[in-house]
Amino acid sequence: MPRSLPPWLSDRFDNRWLLAIYYGFRGVALIWLVESNATLGALTAFAMLYGLDFIATVPPMVKLTVATFGREMGPVIFG
């Protein structure tokens, strides 16, 4: 089974930088939402990009949480 893109990136790059890029992209998407016209196509594109960005932040955040609080408490704190 092929691996999805965000876990692959979090295995190979610094998770703090990945989160900075993801949250920066999220901020740009929110600014774009405010500045764009409210057509169905624009709102659909925003929803798809924002949703993918929301999912992409989970693997680096889990890895940072486990690295900070340990393998026993990391999943509890993240959950």
C-alpha atoms as a PDB file:
ATOM      1  CA  MET A   1       0.000   0.000   0.000  1.00  0.00           C
ATOM      2  CA  PRO A   2       1.524   3.400  -0.954  1.00  0.00           C
ATOM      3  CA  ARG A   3       2.125   5.911   1.796  1.00  0.00           C
ATOM      4  CA  SER A   4       0.370   9.252   1.722  1.00  0.00           C
ATOM      5  CA  LEU A   5       2.317  12.477   1.347  1.00  0.00           C
ATOM      6  CA  PRO A   6       2.178  14.114   4.827  1.00  0.00           C
ATOM      7  CA  PRO A   7       3.537  11.124   6.834  1.00  0.00           C
ATOM      8  CA  TRP A   8       6.247  10.686   4.220  1.00  0.00           C
ATOM      9  CA  LEU A   9       7.284  14.314   4.655  1.00  0.00           C
ATOM     10  CA  SER A  10       7.207  14.147   8.453  1.00  0.00           C
ATOM     11  CA  ASP A  11       9.513  11.125   8.362  1.00  0.00           C
ATOM     12  CA  ARG A  12      12.117  12.929   6.263  1.00  0.00           C
ATOM     13  CA  PHE A  13      12.009  16.616   7.240  1.00  0.00           C
ATOM     14  CA  ASP A  14      12.022  18.648  10.444  1.00  0.00           C
ATOM     15  CA  ASN A  15       8.467  18.632  11.771  1.00  0.00           C
ATOM     16  CA  ARG A  16       8.706  22.176  13.139  1.00  0.00           C
ATOM     17  CA  TRP A  17       9.436  23.527   9.659  1.00  0.00           C
ATOM     18  CA  LEU A  18       6.656  21.452   8.139  1.00  0.00           C
ATOM     19  CA  LEU A  19       4.167  22.834  10.644  1.00  0.00           C
ATOM     20  CA  ALA A  20       5.362  26.375  10.000  1.00  0.00           C
ATOM     21  CA  ILE A  21       4.806  25.877   6.272  1.00  0.00           C
ATOM     22  CA  TYR A  22       1.416  24.228   6.782  1.00  0.00           C
ATOM     23  CA  TYR A  23       0.164  26.938   9.135  1.00  0.00           C
ATOM     24  CA  GLY A  24       1.536  29.636   6.836  1.00  0.00           C
ATOM     25  CA  PHE A  25      -0.381  28.054   3.969  1.00  0.00           C
ATOM     26  CA  ARG A  26      -3.478  27.953   6.160  1.00  0.00           C
ATOM     27  CA  GLY A  27      -3.132  31.674   6.859  1.00  0.00           C
ATOM     28  CA  VAL A  28      -2.755  32.448   3.157  1.00  0.00           C
ATOM     29  CA  ALA A  29      -5.852  30.355   2.421  1.00  0.00           C
ATOM     30  CA  LEU A  30      -7.868  32.267   5.022  1.00  0.00           C
ATOM     31  CA  ILE A  31      -6.735  35.616   3.617  1.00  0.00           C
ATOM     32  CA  TRP A  32      -7.586  34.375   0.131  1.00  0.00           C
ATOM     33  CA  LEU A  33     -11.060  33.385   1.358  1.00  0.00           C
ATOM     34  CA  VAL A  34     -11.729  36.884   2.638  1.00  0.00           C
ATOM     35  CA  GLU A  35     -10.380  38.590  -0.487  1.00  0.00           C
ATOM     36  CA  SER A  36     -11.947  36.291  -3.091  1.00  0.00           C
ATOM     37  CA  ASN A  37     -15.429  36.503  -4.468  1.00  0.00           C
ATOM     38  CA  ALA A  38     -17.884  34.122  -2.842  1.00  0.00           C
ATOM     39  CA  THR A  39     -18.671  31.951  -5.842  1.00  0.00           C
ATOM     40  CA  LEU A  40     -19.372  28.271  -5.540  1.00  0.00           C
ATOM     41  CA  GLY A  41     -16.096  27.392  -7.277  1.00  0.00           C
ATOM     42  CA  ALA A  42     -14.006  29.614  -4.993  1.00  0.00           C
ATOM     43  CA  LEU A  43     -15.635  28.232  -1.846  1.00  0.00           C
ATOM     44  CA  THR A  44     -15.225  24.651  -3.082  1.00  0.00           C
ATOM     45  CA  ALA A  45     -11.542  25.213  -3.836  1.00  0.00           C
ATOM     46  CA  PHE A  46     -11.037  26.791  -0.420  1.00  0.00           C
ATOM     47  CA  ALA A  47     -12.808  23.917   1.347  1.00  0.00           C
ATOM     48  CA  MET A  48     -10.706  21.306  -0.434  1.00  0.00           C
ATOM     49  CA  LEU A  49      -7.377  23.072   0.145  1.00  0.00           C
ATOM     50  CA  TYR A  50      -8.168  23.981   3.747  1.00  0.00           C
ATOM     51  CA  GLY A  51      -9.321  20.437   4.503  1.00  0.00           C
ATOM     52  CA  LEU A  52      -6.182  18.887   3.018  1.00  0.00           C
ATOM     53  CA  ASP A  53      -4.063  21.348   4.974  1.00  0.00           C
ATOM     54  CA  PHE A  54      -5.952  20.466   8.152  1.00  0.00           C
ATOM     55  CA  ILE A  55      -5.243  16.757   7.630  1.00  0.00           C
ATOM     56  CA  ALA A  56      -1.571  17.383   6.734  1.00  0.00           C
ATOM     57  CA  THR A  57      -0.812  18.924  10.146  1.00  0.00           C
ATOM     58  CA  VAL A  58      -1.656  15.753  12.098  1.00  0.00           C
ATOM     59  CA  PRO A  59       1.465  13.577  11.456  1.00  0.00           C
ATOM     60  CA  PRO A  60       4.070  16.255  12.331  1.00  0.00           C
ATOM     61  CA  MET A  61       2.082  17.323  15.390  1.00  0.00           C
ATOM     62  CA  VAL A  62       1.848  13.732  16.640  1.00  0.00           C
ATOM     63  CA  LYS A  63       5.586  13.209  16.130  1.00  0.00           C
ATOM     64  CA  LEU A  64       6.423  16.413  18.009  1.00  0.00           C
ATOM     65  CA  THR A  65       4.047  15.521  20.844  1.00  0.00           C
ATOM     66  CA  VAL A  66       5.536  12.028  21.208  1.00  0.00           C
ATOM     67  CA  ALA A  67       9.072  13.433  21.034  1.00  0.00           C
ATOM     68  CA  THR A  68       8.287  15.982  23.745  1.00  0.00           C
ATOM     69  CA  PHE A  69       6.248  13.890  26.182  1.00  0.00           C
ATOM     70  CA  GLY A  70       7.513  10.375  25.447  1.00  0.00           C
ATOM     71  CA  ARG A  71       6.006   7.294  23.855  1.00  0.00           C
ATOM     72  CA  GLU A  72       3.733   6.576  26.814  1.00  0.00           C
ATOM     73  CA  MET A  73       2.242  10.028  27.426  1.00  0.00           C
ATOM     74  CA  GLY A  74       2.461  11.497  23.907  1.00  0.00           C
ATOM     75  CA  PRO A  75      -0.636   9.812  22.489  1.00  0.00           C
ATOM     76  CA  VAL A  76      -2.625  10.614  25.630  1.00  0.00           C
ATOM     77  CA  ILE A  77      -1.717  14.282  25.470  1.00  0.00           C
ATOM     78  CA  PHE A  78      -2.351  14.507  21.734  1.00  0.00           C
ATOM     79  CA  GLY A  79      -5.723  12.763  22.059  1.00  0.00           C
END
